[in-house]
Structures are given as C-alpha cells and as structure tokens.
Amino acid sequence: MIAQLNVYETVSPNEVKVWFKAAPISKFPKNGGACIKYKDKQIAVFNFTREGSWYACQNLCPHKVEMVLSRGMIGEEHMEPKVACPLHKNTFSLKTGENLNGSLDAIATYPVKTENGFVYVGFSE
C-alpha cells in the first residue's frame, strides 16, 4: 500500500476541534518519540524532556515515503527543535515542519497537550 501524503495537514492550536487521547505519558520515551494512529494517520509524538516540551508531526518522511519519523533522533538547531529521519538524516522543525537541511516539502505538525497523566494530540476534524 502506498502512503498518501495528502492526508497530513498542519493543524494550528486555534484550529483544534478534537483532542485525541493518545496514551499515558509513561508510554512515551524521554527525549524520544513514539507512533500513534488517529483515523488513517500515523502521528509521531515526541517527549522532548530536555526542553520540557511535547511535539507531534506526521510519521511519514516525504523523502522515501516511509513511516519512520517517530524513530528519529530529536535535538535542536539554532534554538529550533528538530527531528532527523532515521533513514536518510533529513531534518524537520518540530514547530513548523520545515525541512531544515534540504529542499523537501514541509511535514505536518500538530498541537500537543498533557492533562491528568495523558498525552493529547489536536486535530481539526
């Protein structure tokens, strides 16, 4: 099955209509990511404990159309939190989705909140 790139669209905090209860906080590795599924989307969720923040983006890397971003390494570049694709090291901003080291299309990003020990990801549908 070929992954569909068009199912992923960035959602800003003011566009959230649904807060999806993803999993307990304890299910996400510190300074790492895990994949969740929401409808037909695979979403990478990152617990960036070094920064005290949570991020979510599409799990699909646009380079070779592989569902791998949740396994990527996270870090910072010029104060910008980023994830590196574990296959080809393309890096993307976890705030904006922008490709930071090439000419690939941006990835979709999603708002994240934690409440009562659970992680929630915001969607517009």
PDB file of N, CA and C in Angstrom:
ATOM      1  N   MET A   1       0.841  -1.184   0.000  1.00  0.00           N
ATOM      2  CA  MET A   1       0.000   0.000   0.000  1.00  0.00           C
ATOM      3  C   MET A   1       0.885   1.245   0.000  1.00  0.00           C
ATOM      4  N   ILE A   2       0.616   2.175  -0.861  1.00  0.00           N
ATOM      5  CA  ILE A   2       1.372   3.416  -0.929  1.00  0.00           C
ATOM      6  C   ILE A   2       0.751   4.426   0.024  1.00  0.00           C
ATOM      7  N   ALA A   3       1.589   5.027   0.847  1.00  0.00           N
ATOM      8  CA  ALA A   3       1.110   6.024   1.810  1.00  0.00           C
ATOM      9  C   ALA A   3       0.622   7.263   1.067  1.00  0.00           C
ATOM     10  N   GLN A   4      -0.402   7.856   1.587  1.00  0.00           N
ATOM     11  CA  GLN A   4      -0.941   9.063   0.971  1.00  0.00           C
ATOM     12  C   GLN A   4      -0.383  10.292   1.681  1.00  0.00           C
ATOM     13  N   LEU A   5       0.325  11.123   0.929  1.00  0.00           N
ATOM     14  CA  LEU A   5       0.894  12.330   1.502  1.00  0.00           C
ATOM     15  C   LEU A   5      -0.174  13.351   1.851  1.00  0.00           C
ATOM     16  N   ASN A   6      -1.266  13.390   1.108  1.00  0.00           N
ATOM     17  CA  ASN A   6      -2.253  14.455   1.267  1.00  0.00           C
ATOM     18  C   ASN A   6      -3.153  14.302   2.490  1.00  0.00           C
ATOM     19  N   VAL A   7      -3.049  13.218   3.261  1.00  0.00           N
ATOM     20  CA  VAL A   7      -3.886  13.096   4.449  1.00  0.00           C
ATOM     21  C   VAL A   7      -3.330  13.907   5.612  1.00  0.00           C
ATOM     22  N   TYR A   8      -2.130  14.434   5.449  1.00  0.00           N
ATOM     23  CA  TYR A   8      -1.471  15.179   6.518  1.00  0.00           C
ATOM     24  C   TYR A   8      -1.506  16.671   6.236  1.00  0.00           C
ATOM     25  N   GLU A   9      -2.101  17.417   7.164  1.00  0.00           N
ATOM     26  CA  GLU A   9      -2.128  18.873   7.064  1.00  0.00           C
ATOM     27  C   GLU A   9      -1.850  19.449   8.442  1.00  0.00           C
ATOM     28  N   THR A  10      -0.968  20.425   8.495  1.00  0.00           N
ATOM     29  CA  THR A  10      -0.636  21.057   9.763  1.00  0.00           C
ATOM     30  C   THR A  10      -1.888  21.631  10.409  1.00  0.00           C
ATOM     31  N   VAL A  11      -1.969  21.457  11.717  1.00  0.00           N
ATOM     32  CA  VAL A  11      -3.088  21.988  12.498  1.00  0.00           C
ATOM     33  C   VAL A  11      -2.523  22.985  13.504  1.00  0.00           C
ATOM     34  N   SER A  12      -3.010  24.205  13.470  1.00  0.00           N
ATOM     35  CA  SER A  12      -2.582  25.204  14.449  1.00  0.00           C
ATOM     36  C   SER A  12      -3.449  25.060  15.703  1.00  0.00           C
ATOM     37  N   PRO A  13      -2.960  25.556  16.837  1.00  0.00           N
ATOM     38  CA  PRO A  13      -3.754  25.423  18.073  1.00  0.00           C
ATOM     39  C   PRO A  13      -5.174  25.980  17.978  1.00  0.00           C
ATOM     40  N   ASN A  14      -5.366  27.051  17.228  1.00  0.00           N
ATOM     41  CA  ASN A  14      -6.719  27.629  17.136  1.00  0.00           C
ATOM     42  C   ASN A  14      -7.630  26.864  16.170  1.00  0.00           C
ATOM     43  N   GLU A  15      -7.110  25.863  15.457  1.00  0.00           N
ATOM     44  CA  GLU A  15      -7.919  25.050  14.548  1.00  0.00           C
ATOM     45  C   GLU A  15      -8.373  23.729  15.178  1.00  0.00           C
ATOM     46  N   VAL A  16      -7.930  23.446  16.398  1.00  0.00           N
ATOM     47  CA  VAL A  16      -8.232  22.165  17.028  1.00  0.00           C
ATOM     48  C   VAL A  16      -9.727  22.042  17.327  1.00  0.00           C
ATOM     49  N   LYS A  17     -10.322  20.964  16.828  1.00  0.00           N
ATOM     50  CA  LYS A  17     -11.717  20.642  17.113  1.00  0.00           C
ATOM     51  C   LYS A  17     -11.814  19.373  17.951  1.00  0.00           C
ATOM     52  N   VAL A  18     -10.782  18.527  17.871  1.00  0.00           N
ATOM     53  CA  VAL A  18     -10.751  17.253  18.590  1.00  0.00           C
ATOM     54  C   VAL A  18      -9.409  17.104  19.285  1.00  0.00           C
ATOM     55  N   TRP A  19      -9.434  16.852  20.594  1.00  0.00           N
ATOM     56  CA  TRP A  19      -8.218  16.483  21.321  1.00  0.00           C
ATOM     57  C   TRP A  19      -8.252  14.971  21.490  1.00  0.00           C
ATOM     58  N   PHE A  20      -7.422  14.275  20.719  1.00  0.00           N
ATOM     59  CA  PHE A  20      -7.368  12.823  20.744  1.00  0.00           C
ATOM     60  C   PHE A  20      -6.497  12.352  21.906  1.00  0.00           C
ATOM     61  N   LYS A  21      -7.060  11.513  22.762  1.00  0.00           N
ATOM     62  CA  LYS A  21      -6.336  10.961  23.907  1.00  0.00           C
ATOM     63  C   LYS A  21      -5.424   9.849  23.388  1.00  0.00           C
ATOM     64  N   ALA A  22      -4.139  10.163  23.257  1.00  0.00           N
ATOM     65  CA  ALA A  22      -3.194   9.257  22.598  1.00  0.00           C
ATOM     66  C   ALA A  22      -2.774   8.097  23.488  1.00  0.00           C
ATOM     67  N   ALA A  23      -2.249   8.405  24.683  1.00  0.00           N
ATOM     68  CA  ALA A  23      -1.734   7.366  25.585  1.00  0.00           C
ATOM     69  C   ALA A  23      -1.260   8.021  26.871  1.00  0.00           C
ATOM     70  N   PRO A  24      -1.025   7.201  27.907  1.00  0.00           N
ATOM     71  CA  PRO A  24      -0.430   7.755  29.130  1.00  0.00           C
ATOM     72  C   PRO A  24       0.971   8.314  28.850  1.00  0.00           C
ATOM     73  N   ILE A  25       1.348   9.348  29.568  1.00  0.00           N
ATOM     74  CA  ILE A  25       2.670   9.965  29.408  1.00  0.00           C
ATOM     75  C   ILE A  25       3.778   8.919  29.512  1.00  0.00           C
ATOM     76  N   SER A  26       3.605   7.949  30.392  1.00  0.00           N
ATOM     77  CA  SER A  26       4.639   6.928  30.624  1.00  0.00           C
ATOM     78  C   SER A  26       4.927   6.065  29.403  1.00  0.00           C
ATOM     79  N   LYS A  27       4.065   6.072  28.406  1.00  0.00           N
ATOM     80  CA  LYS A  27       4.268   5.263  27.204  1.00  0.00           C
ATOM     81  C   LYS A  27       5.195   5.928  26.186  1.00  0.00           C
ATOM     82  N   PHE A  28       5.592   7.170  26.437  1.00  0.00           N
ATOM     83  CA  PHE A  28       6.458   7.892  25.509  1.00  0.00           C
ATOM     84  C   PHE A  28       7.859   7.992  26.098  1.00  0.00           C
ATOM     85  N   PRO A  29       8.880   7.604  25.345  1.00  0.00           N
ATOM     86  CA  PRO A  29      10.243   7.667  25.873  1.00  0.00           C
ATOM     87  C   PRO A  29      10.698   9.107  26.087  1.00  0.00           C
ATOM     88  N   LYS A  30      11.479   9.307  27.144  1.00  0.00           N
ATOM     89  CA  LYS A  30      12.052  10.632  27.380  1.00  0.00           C
ATOM     90  C   LYS A  30      13.048  10.939  26.267  1.00  0.00           C
ATOM     91  N   ASN A  31      12.969  12.175  25.743  1.00  0.00           N
ATOM     92  CA  ASN A  31      13.835  12.626  24.658  1.00  0.00           C
ATOM     93  C   ASN A  31      13.783  11.686  23.455  1.00  0.00           C
ATOM     94  N   GLY A  32      12.576  11.218  23.152  1.00  0.00           N
ATOM     95  CA  GLY A  32      12.368  10.341  22.009  1.00  0.00           C
ATOM     96  C   GLY A  32      10.930  10.382  21.561  1.00  0.00           C
ATOM     97  N   GLY A  33      10.612   9.521  20.613  1.00  0.00           N
ATOM     98  CA  GLY A  33       9.279   9.537  20.044  1.00  0.00           C
ATOM     99  C   GLY A  33       8.618   8.177  20.019  1.00  0.00           C
ATOM    100  N   ALA A  34       7.324   8.198  19.757  1.00  0.00           N
ATOM    101  CA  ALA A  34       6.521   7.001  19.580  1.00  0.00           C
ATOM    102  C   ALA A  34       5.434   7.328  18.564  1.00  0.00           C
ATOM    103  N   CYS A  35       4.931   6.308  17.915  1.00  0.00           N
ATOM    104  CA  CYS A  35       3.905   6.496  16.894  1.00  0.00           C
ATOM    105  C   CYS A  35       2.524   6.179  17.462  1.00  0.00           C
ATOM    106  N   ILE A  36       1.559   7.023  17.121  1.00  0.00           N
ATOM    107  CA  ILE A  36       0.163   6.760  17.449  1.00  0.00           C
ATOM    108  C   ILE A  36      -0.616   6.735  16.136  1.00  0.00           C
ATOM    109  N   LYS A  37      -1.814   6.207  16.179  1.00  0.00           N
ATOM    110  CA  LYS A  37      -2.667   6.210  14.998  1.00  0.00           C
ATOM    111  C   LYS A  37      -3.952   6.965  15.318  1.00  0.00           C
ATOM    112  N   TYR A  38      -4.310   7.881  14.437  1.00  0.00           N
ATOM    113  CA  TYR A  38      -5.573   8.611  14.532  1.00  0.00           C
ATOM    114  C   TYR A  38      -6.254   8.517  13.172  1.00  0.00           C
ATOM    115  N   LYS A  39      -7.365   7.834  13.127  1.00  0.00           N
ATOM    116  CA  LYS A  39      -8.069   7.572  11.869  1.00  0.00           C
ATOM    117  C   LYS A  39      -7.094   6.938  10.879  1.00  0.00           C
ATOM    118  N   ASP A  40      -6.853   7.564   9.726  1.00  0.00           N
ATOM    119  CA  ASP A  40      -5.934   6.985   8.738  1.00  0.00           C
ATOM    120  C   ASP A  40      -4.537   7.604   8.801  1.00  0.00           C
ATOM    121  N   LYS A  41      -4.243   8.276   9.897  1.00  0.00           N
ATOM    122  CA  LYS A  41      -2.956   8.967  10.032  1.00  0.00           C
ATOM    123  C   LYS A  41      -2.058   8.267  11.052  1.00  0.00           C
ATOM    124  N   GLN A  42      -0.782   8.157  10.718  1.00  0.00           N
ATOM    125  CA  GLN A  42       0.228   7.770  11.698  1.00  0.00           C
ATOM    126  C   GLN A  42       0.913   9.060  12.137  1.00  0.00           C
ATOM    127  N   ILE A  43       0.935   9.295  13.445  1.00  0.00           N
ATOM    128  CA  ILE A  43       1.464  10.533  14.006  1.00  0.00           C
ATOM    129  C   ILE A  43       2.624  10.205  14.938  1.00  0.00           C
ATOM    130  N   ALA A  44       3.738  10.901  14.755  1.00  0.00           N
ATOM    131  CA  ALA A  44       4.899  10.771  15.636  1.00  0.00           C
ATOM    132  C   ALA A  44       4.737  11.778  16.769  1.00  0.00           C
ATOM    133  N   VAL A  45       4.836  11.297  18.005  1.00  0.00           N
ATOM    134  CA  VAL A  45       4.717  12.154  19.184  1.00  0.00           C
ATOM    135  C   VAL A  45       6.036  12.102  19.932  1.00  0.00           C
ATOM    136  N   PHE A  46       6.568  13.288  20.254  1.00  0.00           N
ATOM    137  CA  PHE A  46       7.885  13.385  20.885  1.00  0.00           C
ATOM    138  C   PHE A  46       7.797  14.029  22.259  1.00  0.00           C
ATOM    139  N   ASN A  47       8.433  13.383  23.226  1.00  0.00           N
ATOM    140  CA  ASN A  47       8.566  13.882  24.590  1.00  0.00           C
ATOM    141  C   ASN A  47       9.968  14.482  24.702  1.00  0.00           C
ATOM    142  N   PHE A  48      10.069  15.772  24.465  1.00  0.00           N
ATOM    143  CA  PHE A  48      11.363  16.467  24.454  1.00  0.00           C
ATOM    144  C   PHE A  48      11.634  16.969  25.872  1.00  0.00           C
ATOM    145  N   THR A  49      12.028  16.055  26.761  1.00  0.00           N
ATOM    146  CA  THR A  49      12.184  16.395  28.175  1.00  0.00           C
ATOM    147  C   THR A  49      13.317  17.387  28.421  1.00  0.00           C
ATOM    148  N   ARG A  50      14.348  17.375  27.593  1.00  0.00           N
ATOM    149  CA  ARG A  50      15.452  18.341  27.760  1.00  0.00           C
ATOM    150  C   ARG A  50      14.932  19.772  27.668  1.00  0.00           C
ATOM    151  N   GLU A  51      13.859  19.948  26.938  1.00  0.00           N
ATOM    152  CA  GLU A  51      13.280  21.266  26.698  1.00  0.00           C
ATOM    153  C   GLU A  51      11.964  21.455  27.470  1.00  0.00           C
ATOM    154  N   GLY A  52      11.444  20.359  28.016  1.00  0.00           N
ATOM    155  CA  GLY A  52      10.171  20.431  28.733  1.00  0.00           C
ATOM    156  C   GLY A  52       8.983  20.629  27.814  1.00  0.00           C
ATOM    157  N   SER A  53       9.063  20.089  26.585  1.00  0.00           N
ATOM    158  CA  SER A  53       8.005  20.291  25.593  1.00  0.00           C
ATOM    159  C   SER A  53       7.603  18.981  24.932  1.00  0.00           C
ATOM    160  N   TRP A  54       6.429  19.007  24.350  1.00  0.00           N
ATOM    161  CA  TRP A  54       5.902  17.891  23.570  1.00  0.00           C
ATOM    162  C   TRP A  54       5.633  18.379  22.151  1.00  0.00           C
ATOM    163  N   TYR A  55       5.856  17.509  21.168  1.00  0.00           N
ATOM    164  CA  TYR A  55       5.619  17.842  19.769  1.00  0.00           C
ATOM    165  C   TYR A  55       4.973  16.658  19.067  1.00  0.00           C
ATOM    166  N   ALA A  56       4.243  16.942  17.992  1.00  0.00           N
ATOM    167  CA  ALA A  56       3.670  15.885  17.161  1.00  0.00           C
ATOM    168  C   ALA A  56       3.775  16.304  15.705  1.00  0.00           C
ATOM    169  N   CYS A  57       4.043  15.325  14.859  1.00  0.00           N
ATOM    170  CA  CYS A  57       4.126  15.562  13.419  1.00  0.00           C
ATOM    171  C   CYS A  57       3.710  14.276  12.706  1.00  0.00           C
ATOM    172  N   GLN A  58       3.553  14.386  11.404  1.00  0.00           N
ATOM    173  CA  GLN A  58       3.267  13.179  10.638  1.00  0.00           C
ATOM    174  C   GLN A  58       4.432  12.203  10.808  1.00  0.00           C
ATOM    175  N   ASN A  59       4.150  10.924  10.811  1.00  0.00           N
ATOM    176  CA  ASN A  59       5.196   9.910  10.932  1.00  0.00           C
ATOM    177  C   ASN A  59       5.853   9.635   9.584  1.00  0.00           C
ATOM    178  N   LEU A  60       5.235  10.075   8.523  1.00  0.00           N
ATOM    179  CA  LEU A  60       5.690   9.818   7.163  1.00  0.00           C
ATOM    180  C   LEU A  60       6.800  10.773   6.744  1.00  0.00           C
ATOM    181  N   CYS A  61       7.973  10.225   6.448  1.00  0.00           N
ATOM    182  CA  CYS A  61       9.057  11.050   5.898  1.00  0.00           C
ATOM    183  C   CYS A  61       8.795  11.225   4.405  1.00  0.00           C
ATOM    184  N   PRO A  62       8.769  12.455   3.905  1.00  0.00           N
ATOM    185  CA  PRO A  62       8.441  12.677   2.498  1.00  0.00           C
ATOM    186  C   PRO A  62       9.548  12.262   1.523  1.00  0.00           C
ATOM    187  N   HIS A  63      10.750  12.002   2.020  1.00  0.00           N
ATOM    188  CA  HIS A  63      11.865  11.668   1.131  1.00  0.00           C
ATOM    189  C   HIS A  63      11.635  10.352   0.406  1.00  0.00           C
ATOM    190  N   LYS A  64      11.499   9.278   1.136  1.00  0.00           N
ATOM    191  CA  LYS A  64      11.276   7.959   0.526  1.00  0.00           C
ATOM    192  C   LYS A  64       9.899   7.390   0.870  1.00  0.00           C
ATOM    193  N   VAL A  65       9.025   8.228   1.420  1.00  0.00           N
ATOM    194  CA  VAL A  65       7.653   7.875   1.779  1.00  0.00           C
ATOM    195  C   VAL A  65       7.648   6.646   2.702  1.00  0.00           C
ATOM    196  N   GLU A  66       8.371   6.761   3.808  1.00  0.00           N
ATOM    197  CA  GLU A  66       8.450   5.708   4.816  1.00  0.00           C
ATOM    198  C   GLU A  66       7.901   6.237   6.142  1.00  0.00           C
ATOM    199  N   MET A  67       7.209   5.399   6.888  1.00  0.00           N
ATOM    200  CA  MET A  67       6.656   5.754   8.199  1.00  0.00           C
ATOM    201  C   MET A  67       7.722   5.542   9.274  1.00  0.00           C
ATOM    202  N   VAL A  68       8.615   6.525   9.435  1.00  0.00           N
ATOM    203  CA  VAL A  68       9.777   6.318  10.305  1.00  0.00           C
ATOM    204  C   VAL A  68      10.121   7.482  11.231  1.00  0.00           C
ATOM    205  N   LEU A  69       9.478   8.617  11.092  1.00  0.00           N
ATOM    206  CA  LEU A  69       9.922   9.794  11.850  1.00  0.00           C
ATOM    207  C   LEU A  69       9.832   9.608  13.357  1.00  0.00           C
ATOM    208  N   SER A  70       8.908   8.787  13.842  1.00  0.00           N
ATOM    209  CA  SER A  70       8.797   8.577  15.293  1.00  0.00           C
ATOM    210  C   SER A  70      10.049   7.902  15.863  1.00  0.00           C
ATOM    211  N   ARG A  71      10.826   7.252  15.013  1.00  0.00           N
ATOM    212  CA  ARG A  71      12.066   6.596  15.445  1.00  0.00           C
ATOM    213  C   ARG A  71      13.286   7.489  15.251  1.00  0.00           C
ATOM    214  N   GLY A  72      13.063   8.715  14.788  1.00  0.00           N
ATOM    215  CA  GLY A  72      14.167   9.634  14.529  1.00  0.00           C
ATOM    216  C   GLY A  72      14.739  10.236  15.801  1.00  0.00           C
ATOM    217  N   MET A  73      15.942  10.762  15.680  1.00  0.00           N
ATOM    218  CA  MET A  73      16.591  11.444  16.801  1.00  0.00           C
ATOM    219  C   MET A  73      16.097  12.882  16.865  1.00  0.00           C
ATOM    220  N   ILE A  74      15.873  13.370  18.085  1.00  0.00           N
ATOM    221  CA  ILE A  74      15.464  14.758  18.243  1.00  0.00           C
ATOM    222  C   ILE A  74      16.616  15.560  18.823  1.00  0.00           C
ATOM    223  N   GLY A  75      16.608  16.846  18.522  1.00  0.00           N
ATOM    224  CA  GLY A  75      17.637  17.755  19.004  1.00  0.00           C
ATOM    225  C   GLY A  75      17.240  19.181  18.684  1.00  0.00           C
ATOM    226  N   GLU A  76      18.227  20.065  18.671  1.00  0.00           N
ATOM    227  CA  GLU A  76      17.974  21.479  18.368  1.00  0.00           C
ATOM    228  C   GLU A  76      19.002  21.981  17.370  1.00  0.00           C
ATOM    229  N   GLU A  77      18.557  22.904  16.558  1.00  0.00           N
ATOM    230  CA  GLU A  77      19.436  23.587  15.613  1.00  0.00           C
ATOM    231  C   GLU A  77      19.071  25.063  15.643  1.00  0.00           C
ATOM    232  N   HIS A  78      19.991  25.889  16.129  1.00  0.00           N
ATOM    233  CA  HIS A  78      19.735  27.326  16.262  1.00  0.00           C
ATOM    234  C   HIS A  78      18.457  27.591  17.059  1.00  0.00           C
ATOM    235  N   MET A  79      18.316  26.897  18.199  1.00  0.00           N
ATOM    236  CA  MET A  79      17.177  27.041  19.112  1.00  0.00           C
ATOM    237  C   MET A  79      15.874  26.496  18.524  1.00  0.00           C
ATOM    238  N   GLU A  80      15.932  25.769  17.419  1.00  0.00           N
ATOM    239  CA  GLU A  80      14.753  25.195  16.775  1.00  0.00           C
ATOM    240  C   GLU A  80      14.725  23.693  17.053  1.00  0.00           C
ATOM    241  N   PRO A  81      13.685  23.175  17.754  1.00  0.00           N
ATOM    242  CA  PRO A  81      13.596  21.733  17.985  1.00  0.00           C
ATOM    243  C   PRO A  81      13.398  21.019  16.655  1.00  0.00           C
ATOM    244  N   LYS A  82      14.089  19.885  16.493  1.00  0.00           N
ATOM    245  CA  LYS A  82      14.024  19.184  15.210  1.00  0.00           C
ATOM    246  C   LYS A  82      14.033  17.680  15.410  1.00  0.00           C
ATOM    247  N   VAL A  83      13.615  16.974  14.355  1.00  0.00           N
ATOM    248  CA  VAL A  83      13.718  15.525  14.293  1.00  0.00           C
ATOM    249  C   VAL A  83      14.481  15.180  13.020  1.00  0.00           C
ATOM    250  N   ALA A  84      15.359  14.173  13.126  1.00  0.00           N
ATOM    251  CA  ALA A  84      16.108  13.689  11.979  1.00  0.00           C
ATOM    252  C   ALA A  84      15.551  12.335  11.564  1.00  0.00           C
ATOM    253  N   CYS A  85      15.248  12.176  10.292  1.00  0.00           N
ATOM    254  CA  CYS A  85      14.778  10.897   9.771  1.00  0.00           C
ATOM    255  C   CYS A  85      15.851   9.842  10.043  1.00  0.00           C
ATOM    256  N   PRO A  86      15.471   8.692  10.616  1.00  0.00           N
ATOM    257  CA  PRO A  86      16.479   7.679  10.927  1.00  0.00           C
ATOM    258  C   PRO A  86      17.076   7.007   9.694  1.00  0.00           C
ATOM    259  N   LEU A  87      16.456   7.157   8.541  1.00  0.00           N
ATOM    260  CA  LEU A  87      16.966   6.506   7.332  1.00  0.00           C
ATOM    261  C   LEU A  87      17.965   7.359   6.560  1.00  0.00           C
ATOM    262  N   HIS A  88      17.627   8.618   6.347  1.00  0.00           N
ATOM    263  CA  HIS A  88      18.456   9.457   5.470  1.00  0.00           C
ATOM    264  C   HIS A  88      18.884  10.775   6.099  1.00  0.00           C
ATOM    265  N   LYS A  89      18.596  10.959   7.392  1.00  0.00           N
ATOM    266  CA  LYS A  89      19.053  12.112   8.181  1.00  0.00           C
ATOM    267  C   LYS A  89      18.502  13.454   7.734  1.00  0.00           C
ATOM    268  N   ASN A  90      17.432  13.473   6.943  1.00  0.00           N
ATOM    269  CA  ASN A  90      16.766  14.745   6.656  1.00  0.00           C
ATOM    270  C   ASN A  90      16.172  15.257   7.963  1.00  0.00           C
ATOM    271  N   THR A  91      16.311  16.552   8.221  1.00  0.00           N
ATOM    272  CA  THR A  91      15.814  17.102   9.475  1.00  0.00           C
ATOM    273  C   THR A  91      14.647  18.050   9.227  1.00  0.00           C
ATOM    274  N   PHE A  92      13.708  18.035  10.189  1.00  0.00           N
ATOM    275  CA  PHE A  92      12.497  18.830  10.095  1.00  0.00           C
ATOM    276  C   PHE A  92      12.251  19.542  11.415  1.00  0.00           C
ATOM    277  N   SER A  93      11.775  20.779  11.340  1.00  0.00           N
ATOM    278  CA  SER A  93      11.406  21.527  12.529  1.00  0.00           C
ATOM    279  C   SER A  93      10.194  20.875  13.171  1.00  0.00           C
ATOM    280  N   LEU A  94      10.254  20.667  14.478  1.00  0.00           N
ATOM    281  CA  LEU A  94       9.101  20.121  15.190  1.00  0.00           C
ATOM    282  C   LEU A  94       8.049  21.193  15.471  1.00  0.00           C
ATOM    283  N   LYS A  95       8.406  22.466  15.295  1.00  0.00           N
ATOM    284  CA  LYS A  95       7.438  23.559  15.481  1.00  0.00           C
ATOM    285  C   LYS A  95       6.673  23.851  14.198  1.00  0.00           C
ATOM    286  N   THR A  96       7.398  23.954  13.075  1.00  0.00           N
ATOM    287  CA  THR A  96       6.784  24.389  11.820  1.00  0.00           C
ATOM    288  C   THR A  96       6.690  23.299  10.764  1.00  0.00           C
ATOM    289  N   GLY A  97       7.467  22.220  10.916  1.00  0.00           N
ATOM    290  CA  GLY A  97       7.507  21.162   9.918  1.00  0.00           C
ATOM    291  C   GLY A  97       8.487  21.414   8.790  1.00  0.00           C
ATOM    292  N   GLU A  98       9.087  22.600   8.747  1.00  0.00           N
ATOM    293  CA  GLU A  98      10.005  22.971   7.666  1.00  0.00           C
ATOM    294  C   GLU A  98      11.184  22.011   7.584  1.00  0.00           C
ATOM    295  N   ASN A  99      11.569  21.651   6.349  1.00  0.00           N
ATOM    296  CA  ASN A  99      12.766  20.850   6.113  1.00  0.00           C
ATOM    297  C   ASN A  99      13.977  21.755   6.343  1.00  0.00           C
ATOM    298  N   LEU A 100      14.833  21.385   7.288  1.00  0.00           N
ATOM    299  CA  LEU A 100      15.936  22.253   7.704  1.00  0.00           C
ATOM    300  C   LEU A 100      17.239  22.027   6.955  1.00  0.00           C
ATOM    301  N   ASN A 101      17.360  20.945   6.214  1.00  0.00           N
ATOM    302  CA  ASN A 101      18.638  20.684   5.544  1.00  0.00           C
ATOM    303  C   ASN A 101      18.463  20.207   4.107  1.00  0.00           C
ATOM    304  N   GLY A 102      17.501  20.758   3.418  1.00  0.00           N
ATOM    305  CA  GLY A 102      17.304  20.362   2.032  1.00  0.00           C
ATOM    306  C   GLY A 102      16.109  21.050   1.428  1.00  0.00           C
ATOM    307  N   SER A 103      15.611  20.448   0.366  1.00  0.00           N
ATOM    308  CA  SER A 103      14.509  21.077  -0.371  1.00  0.00           C
ATOM    309  C   SER A 103      13.232  20.241  -0.337  1.00  0.00           C
ATOM    310  N   LEU A 104      13.122  19.329   0.618  1.00  0.00           N
ATOM    311  CA  LEU A 104      11.900  18.532   0.736  1.00  0.00           C
ATOM    312  C   LEU A 104      10.742  19.403   1.210  1.00  0.00           C
ATOM    313  N   ASP A 105       9.539  18.963   0.907  1.00  0.00           N
ATOM    314  CA  ASP A 105       8.350  19.645   1.417  1.00  0.00           C
ATOM    315  C   ASP A 105       8.325  19.569   2.937  1.00  0.00           C
ATOM    316  N   ALA A 106       7.651  20.518   3.544  1.00  0.00           N
ATOM    317  CA  ALA A 106       7.473  20.514   4.999  1.00  0.00           C
ATOM    318  C   ALA A 106       6.580  19.347   5.395  1.00  0.00           C
ATOM    319  N   ILE A 107       6.722  18.911   6.633  1.00  0.00           N
ATOM    320  CA  ILE A 107       5.844  17.887   7.186  1.00  0.00           C
ATOM    321  C   ILE A 107       4.752  18.571   8.007  1.00  0.00           C
ATOM    322  N   ALA A 108       3.652  17.869   8.220  1.00  0.00           N
ATOM    323  CA  ALA A 108       2.546  18.406   9.017  1.00  0.00           C
ATOM    324  C   ALA A 108       2.878  18.301  10.501  1.00  0.00           C
ATOM    325  N   THR A 109       2.493  19.321  11.254  1.00  0.00           N
ATOM    326  CA  THR A 109       2.681  19.327  12.702  1.00  0.00           C
ATOM    327  C   THR A 109       1.324  19.498  13.385  1.00  0.00           C
ATOM    328  N   TYR A 110       1.264  19.070  14.652  1.00  0.00           N
ATOM    329  CA  TYR A 110       0.008  19.073  15.395  1.00  0.00           C
ATOM    330  C   TYR A 110       0.249  19.558  16.818  1.00  0.00           C
ATOM    331  N   PRO A 111      -0.721  20.256  17.411  1.00  0.00           N
ATOM    332  CA  PRO A 111      -0.606  20.680  18.808  1.00  0.00           C
ATOM    333  C   PRO A 111      -0.656  19.459  19.743  1.00  0.00           C
ATOM    334  N   VAL A 112       0.039  19.575  20.860  1.00  0.00           N
ATOM    335  CA  VAL A 112       0.052  18.520  21.872  1.00  0.00           C
ATOM    336  C   VAL A 112      -0.178  19.155  23.230  1.00  0.00           C
ATOM    337  N   LYS A 113      -0.944  18.453  24.080  1.00  0.00           N
ATOM    338  CA  LYS A 113      -1.083  18.879  25.468  1.00  0.00           C
ATOM    339  C   LYS A 113      -1.050  17.642  26.351  1.00  0.00           C
ATOM    340  N   THR A 114      -0.673  17.860  27.603  1.00  0.00           N
ATOM    341  CA  THR A 114      -0.731  16.785  28.590  1.00  0.00           C
ATOM    342  C   THR A 114      -1.706  17.205  29.678  1.00  0.00           C
ATOM    343  N   GLU A 115      -2.485  16.236  30.132  1.00  0.00           N
ATOM    344  CA  GLU A 115      -3.502  16.518  31.136  1.00  0.00           C
ATOM    345  C   GLU A 115      -3.812  15.233  31.905  1.00  0.00           C
ATOM    346  N   ASN A 116      -3.775  15.315  33.226  1.00  0.00           N
ATOM    347  CA  ASN A 116      -4.112  14.175  34.084  1.00  0.00           C
ATOM    348  C   ASN A 116      -3.347  12.908  33.717  1.00  0.00           C
ATOM    349  N   GLY A 117      -2.054  13.069  33.377  1.00  0.00           N
ATOM    350  CA  GLY A 117      -1.207  11.915  33.089  1.00  0.00           C
ATOM    351  C   GLY A 117      -1.317  11.346  31.692  1.00  0.00           C
ATOM    352  N   PHE A 118      -2.054  12.026  30.809  1.00  0.00           N
ATOM    353  CA  PHE A 118      -2.216  11.550  29.439  1.00  0.00           C
ATOM    354  C   PHE A 118      -1.731  12.586  28.429  1.00  0.00           C
ATOM    355  N   VAL A 119      -1.368  12.101  27.243  1.00  0.00           N
ATOM    356  CA  VAL A 119      -0.955  12.946  26.132  1.00  0.00           C
ATOM    357  C   VAL A 119      -2.115  13.033  25.150  1.00  0.00           C
ATOM    358  N   TYR A 120      -2.422  14.262  24.727  1.00  0.00           N
ATOM    359  CA  TYR A 120      -3.491  14.521  23.756  1.00  0.00           C
ATOM    360  C   TYR A 120      -2.887  15.226  22.541  1.00  0.00           C
ATOM    361  N   VAL A 121      -3.350  14.842  21.351  1.00  0.00           N
ATOM    362  CA  VAL A 121      -2.918  15.473  20.103  1.00  0.00           C
ATOM    363  C   VAL A 121      -4.134  16.129  19.478  1.00  0.00           C
ATOM    364  N   GLY A 122      -3.961  17.370  18.998  1.00  0.00           N
ATOM    365  CA  GLY A 122      -5.067  18.136  18.442  1.00  0.00           C
ATOM    366  C   GLY A 122      -5.232  17.949  16.946  1.00  0.00           C
ATOM    367  N   PHE A 123      -6.469  17.743  16.534  1.00  0.00           N
ATOM    368  CA  PHE A 123      -6.811  17.581  15.121  1.00  0.00           C
ATOM    369  C   PHE A 123      -7.961  18.511  14.754  1.00  0.00           C
ATOM    370  N   SER A 124      -8.054  18.849  13.472  1.00  0.00           N
ATOM    371  CA  SER A 124      -9.085  19.795  13.024  1.00  0.00           C
ATOM    372  C   SER A 124     -10.343  19.099  12.529  1.00  0.00           C
ATOM    373  N   GLU A 125     -10.378  17.779  12.564  1.00  0.00           N
ATOM    374  CA  GLU A 125     -11.566  17.050  12.076  1.00  0.00           C
ATOM    375  C   GLU A 125     -12.125  16.141  13.132  1.00  0.00           C
TER     376      GLU A 125
END
